[in-house]
């Protein structure tokens, strides 16, 4: 009889663990909430590349499909602002005084692409499944649900206890590795502990590295009308 009770108890605990285990979609959603606020926000970032080249940007984001990026430095790039609406993106060229179409996966500075600071939420953009699981982390396989996203496939390592993103392998749709990204320097910012340092490395040229430093994030009410082409010339 005691053996039967033990077996029933073990089966009960096993059922409880299965029921409480989060799905890949739930993990991804919580990871997004760690990366940045779900409300509209303003963020100041700096991108440092090889040779200590530095660029600084002010990023206005609402939902996951509206972003306006203002270039703050270097001086030669002032006025070269970017607007993202869904997966469409434009860059304003001060010299010709007009906006031209660009892609999310085009280079912004060094190894950082436009989408690395303009479209910072994965949930809803990618189908996800748990590829691997250890005691401390999950590896999610993210596949793009549409064309035009920054990356077509991402292998994402997420910490179990905190849902913090640890590392991402950015790949082509067929699985060719393009870049890796390490999420580091977690700090309390905008109401949560978030990564403030993203180290992006080219898969073929290990010496090609860019670091995105998030200096500040502030939740702010932003009107939809702010996100239009006329704002590019600000």
Protein backbone atom coordinates (compact mmCIF):
# COMPACT_ATOMS: atom_id res chain seq x y z
CA UNK A 1 0.00 0.00 0.00
CA UNK A 2 2.76 2.54 0.84
CA UNK A 3 4.35 1.88 -2.58
CA UNK A 4 1.05 2.64 -4.30
CA UNK A 5 0.75 5.91 -2.37
CA UNK A 6 4.27 6.88 -3.37
CA UNK A 7 3.54 6.09 -7.00
CA UNK A 8 0.35 8.15 -6.92
CA UNK A 9 2.25 11.03 -5.29
CA UNK A 10 5.01 10.90 -7.94
CA UNK A 11 2.48 10.82 -10.76
CA UNK A 12 0.69 13.79 -9.19
CA UNK A 13 3.91 15.81 -9.01
CA UNK A 14 4.77 14.87 -12.59
CA UNK A 15 1.34 16.02 -13.77
CA UNK A 16 1.73 19.28 -11.85
CA UNK A 17 5.12 19.95 -13.48
CA UNK A 18 3.72 19.24 -16.95
CA UNK A 19 0.76 21.53 -16.36
CA UNK A 20 2.93 24.35 -15.00
CA UNK A 21 5.61 24.18 -17.73
CA UNK A 22 5.32 27.25 -19.99
CA UNK A 23 4.87 26.89 -23.72
CA UNK A 24 7.39 28.31 -26.19
CA UNK A 25 4.96 31.12 -27.01
CA UNK A 26 4.59 32.03 -23.31
CA UNK A 27 8.37 32.00 -22.85
CA UNK A 28 8.85 34.29 -25.84
CA UNK A 29 6.19 36.72 -24.61
CA UNK A 30 7.79 36.97 -21.17
CA UNK A 31 11.22 37.40 -22.74
CA UNK A 32 9.90 40.35 -24.75
CA UNK A 33 8.59 41.90 -21.52
CA UNK A 34 12.10 41.63 -20.08
CA UNK A 35 13.75 43.25 -23.10
CA UNK A 36 11.65 46.42 -23.21
CA UNK A 37 8.39 47.95 -21.90
CA UNK A 38 5.15 46.90 -23.54
CA UNK A 39 3.96 50.53 -23.44
CA UNK A 40 5.26 53.23 -25.76
CA UNK A 41 8.77 54.34 -24.79
CA UNK A 42 11.74 56.52 -25.67
CA UNK A 43 15.22 55.00 -25.60
CA UNK A 44 18.71 56.41 -26.02
CA UNK A 45 21.27 53.98 -27.42
CA UNK A 46 24.90 54.08 -28.46
CA UNK A 47 26.52 51.70 -30.93
CA UNK A 48 30.26 51.14 -30.58
CA UNK A 49 32.09 49.36 -33.38
CA UNK A 50 35.67 48.36 -34.17
CA UNK A 51 38.18 51.17 -33.89
CA UNK A 52 36.02 52.81 -31.19
CA UNK A 53 33.66 54.29 -33.78
CA UNK A 54 30.52 55.50 -32.02
CA UNK A 55 27.00 56.39 -33.11
CA UNK A 56 24.17 57.58 -30.86
CA UNK A 57 20.42 57.42 -31.48
CA UNK A 58 17.14 58.40 -29.84
CA UNK A 59 14.48 55.77 -30.48
CA UNK A 60 10.73 56.40 -30.17
CA UNK A 61 8.69 53.18 -30.16
CA UNK A 62 4.97 52.44 -29.93
CA UNK A 63 3.60 48.90 -30.05
CA UNK A 64 5.97 46.71 -32.07
CA UNK A 65 5.29 48.23 -35.46
CA UNK A 66 5.94 51.98 -35.07
CA UNK A 67 9.42 53.36 -34.51
CA UNK A 68 11.11 56.69 -35.26
CA UNK A 69 14.89 56.84 -34.89
CA UNK A 70 16.67 60.19 -34.62
CA UNK A 71 20.42 60.23 -35.20
CA UNK A 72 22.24 62.21 -32.48
CA UNK A 73 25.84 61.53 -33.52
CA UNK A 74 28.25 61.50 -35.27
CA UNK A 75 27.78 65.03 -36.56
CA UNK A 76 28.14 64.01 -40.20
CA UNK A 77 25.01 61.83 -39.87
CA UNK A 78 22.76 64.38 -38.16
CA UNK A 79 19.34 64.46 -39.80
CA UNK A 80 19.66 60.92 -41.16
CA UNK A 81 16.59 59.68 -39.31
CA UNK A 82 14.62 56.48 -39.84
CA UNK A 83 10.94 55.57 -39.68
CA UNK A 84 9.53 52.05 -39.33
CA UNK A 85 5.85 51.29 -39.91
CA UNK A 86 5.18 47.57 -39.67
CA UNK A 87 8.01 46.05 -41.76
CA UNK A 88 8.31 49.10 -44.06
CA UNK A 89 11.19 51.45 -43.33
CA UNK A 90 12.47 54.76 -44.67
CA UNK A 91 15.67 56.69 -44.10
CA UNK A 92 15.73 60.46 -44.55
CA UNK A 93 18.71 61.73 -46.55
CA UNK A 94 19.32 65.40 -45.64
CA UNK A 95 21.50 66.01 -48.72
CA UNK A 96 18.64 65.28 -51.12
CA UNK A 97 15.90 66.23 -48.64
CA UNK A 98 13.82 63.12 -49.13
CA UNK A 99 13.19 59.69 -47.63
CA UNK A 100 14.30 56.47 -49.33
CA UNK A 101 13.19 52.92 -48.66
CA UNK A 102 15.52 50.74 -46.61
CA UNK A 103 15.19 47.27 -45.08
CA UNK A 104 15.16 46.16 -41.45
CA UNK A 105 18.14 43.89 -42.08
CA UNK A 106 20.29 46.64 -43.64
CA UNK A 107 23.31 47.80 -41.69
CA UNK A 108 22.72 50.71 -39.32
CA UNK A 109 26.18 50.89 -37.76
CA UNK A 110 28.85 48.20 -37.76
CA UNK A 111 27.22 44.80 -37.19
CA UNK A 112 23.98 46.34 -35.91
CA UNK A 113 21.06 46.29 -38.36
CA UNK A 114 18.21 48.80 -38.53
CA UNK A 115 15.87 46.28 -36.94
CA UNK A 116 18.17 45.65 -33.96
CA UNK A 117 16.99 48.90 -32.39
CA UNK A 118 13.73 49.58 -34.25
CA UNK A 119 11.85 46.27 -33.91
CA UNK A 120 12.78 44.89 -30.51
CA UNK A 121 9.88 42.48 -29.92
CA UNK A 122 9.78 38.94 -31.22
CA UNK A 123 6.38 37.73 -30.01
CA UNK A 124 3.87 37.83 -32.86
CA UNK A 125 6.61 38.04 -35.50
CA UNK A 126 7.94 34.52 -35.04
CA UNK A 127 6.54 31.02 -34.62
CA UNK A 128 8.37 29.45 -31.69
CA UNK A 129 9.08 25.99 -30.37
CA UNK A 130 11.36 24.62 -27.67
CA UNK A 131 14.35 23.12 -29.45
CA UNK A 132 16.30 22.15 -26.33
CA UNK A 133 15.93 22.35 -22.56
CA UNK A 134 18.44 22.10 -19.71
CA UNK A 135 18.12 22.57 -15.96
CA UNK A 136 18.81 26.29 -16.31
CA UNK A 137 17.63 27.35 -19.76
CA UNK A 138 15.52 26.81 -22.86
CA UNK A 139 16.63 27.14 -26.46
CA UNK A 140 13.80 28.42 -28.63
CA UNK A 141 13.71 27.99 -32.40
CA UNK A 142 12.05 31.13 -33.82
CA UNK A 143 10.92 31.16 -37.45
CA UNK A 144 9.69 34.34 -39.11
CA UNK A 145 5.98 34.46 -39.85
CA UNK A 146 6.50 36.94 -42.68
CA UNK A 147 9.12 38.33 -45.00
CA UNK A 148 10.85 41.63 -44.33
CA UNK A 149 11.81 41.02 -40.70
CA UNK A 150 15.37 41.67 -39.54
CA UNK A 151 16.15 37.95 -39.30
CA UNK A 152 14.28 34.99 -40.77
CA UNK A 153 15.31 32.54 -38.05
CA UNK A 154 16.62 32.94 -34.50
CA UNK A 155 17.90 30.36 -32.02
CA UNK A 156 17.30 32.01 -28.67
CA UNK A 157 18.70 30.89 -25.31
CA UNK A 158 16.51 31.98 -22.37
CA UNK A 159 17.18 31.65 -18.62
CA UNK A 160 14.50 29.57 -16.89
CA UNK A 161 14.27 31.38 -13.56
CA UNK A 162 14.07 34.91 -14.97
CA UNK A 163 13.02 34.54 -18.64
CA UNK A 164 16.02 36.73 -19.51
CA UNK A 165 17.41 36.37 -23.04
CA UNK A 166 21.02 35.23 -22.84
CA UNK A 167 22.16 34.64 -26.40
CA UNK A 168 20.65 34.71 -29.89
CA UNK A 169 21.95 33.12 -33.08
CA UNK A 170 20.62 35.13 -36.04
CA UNK A 171 20.23 32.92 -39.09
CA UNK A 172 18.90 32.76 -42.63
CA UNK A 173 15.66 30.85 -43.24
CA UNK A 174 17.77 27.80 -44.18
CA UNK A 175 19.75 27.95 -40.95
CA UNK A 176 23.00 29.63 -42.04
CA UNK A 177 24.45 31.55 -39.10
CA UNK A 178 24.82 35.28 -39.77
CA UNK A 179 25.53 36.81 -36.35
CA UNK A 180 25.42 36.07 -32.66
CA UNK A 181 24.11 38.42 -29.99
CA UNK A 182 24.92 38.29 -26.27
CA UNK A 183 22.49 40.05 -23.89
CA UNK A 184 24.48 41.43 -20.97
CA UNK A 185 24.74 44.01 -18.17
CA UNK A 186 21.24 43.62 -16.73
CA UNK A 187 20.10 46.70 -14.81
CA UNK A 188 16.90 48.09 -13.31
CA UNK A 189 15.54 50.38 -16.00
CA UNK A 190 11.99 51.46 -16.90
CA UNK A 191 10.39 49.37 -14.17
CA UNK A 192 12.21 46.06 -14.72
CA UNK A 193 15.65 44.46 -14.83
CA UNK A 194 16.61 44.55 -18.51
CA UNK A 195 19.70 43.94 -20.66
CA UNK A 196 21.51 47.22 -21.33
CA UNK A 197 24.35 45.81 -23.42
CA UNK A 198 23.99 43.77 -26.62
CA UNK A 199 27.20 42.41 -28.16
CA UNK A 200 26.71 41.48 -31.82
CA UNK A 201 29.41 39.46 -33.61
CA UNK A 202 29.66 38.49 -37.26
CA UNK A 203 29.61 34.70 -37.69
CA UNK A 204 32.35 34.61 -40.34
CA UNK A 205 34.57 37.45 -39.14
CA UNK A 206 34.94 37.11 -35.38
CA UNK A 207 36.84 40.41 -35.23
CA UNK A 208 33.77 42.27 -36.51
CA UNK A 209 31.90 43.16 -33.31
CA UNK A 210 29.46 45.92 -32.43
CA UNK A 211 28.12 46.73 -28.98
CA UNK A 212 24.73 48.34 -28.44
CA UNK A 213 24.62 50.23 -25.14
CA UNK A 214 21.17 51.22 -23.87
CA UNK A 215 21.70 54.38 -21.83
CA UNK A 216 18.07 55.06 -20.92
CA UNK A 217 14.49 53.88 -21.46
CA UNK A 218 11.53 56.03 -20.45
CA UNK A 219 7.88 55.09 -20.82
CA UNK A 220 6.13 57.91 -22.64
CA UNK A 221 2.75 58.51 -24.26
CA UNK A 222 3.34 58.83 -28.00
CA UNK A 223 0.64 59.74 -30.51
CA UNK A 224 0.19 57.63 -33.64
CA UNK A 225 0.42 60.86 -35.67
CA UNK A 226 4.04 61.26 -34.52
CA UNK A 227 5.04 58.27 -36.64
CA UNK A 228 4.85 59.71 -40.15
CA UNK A 229 7.30 60.69 -42.86
CA UNK A 230 7.09 64.40 -42.02
CA UNK A 231 8.68 63.57 -38.64
CA UNK A 232 11.81 62.34 -40.40
CA UNK A 233 12.96 65.88 -41.11
CA UNK A 234 12.87 66.92 -37.43
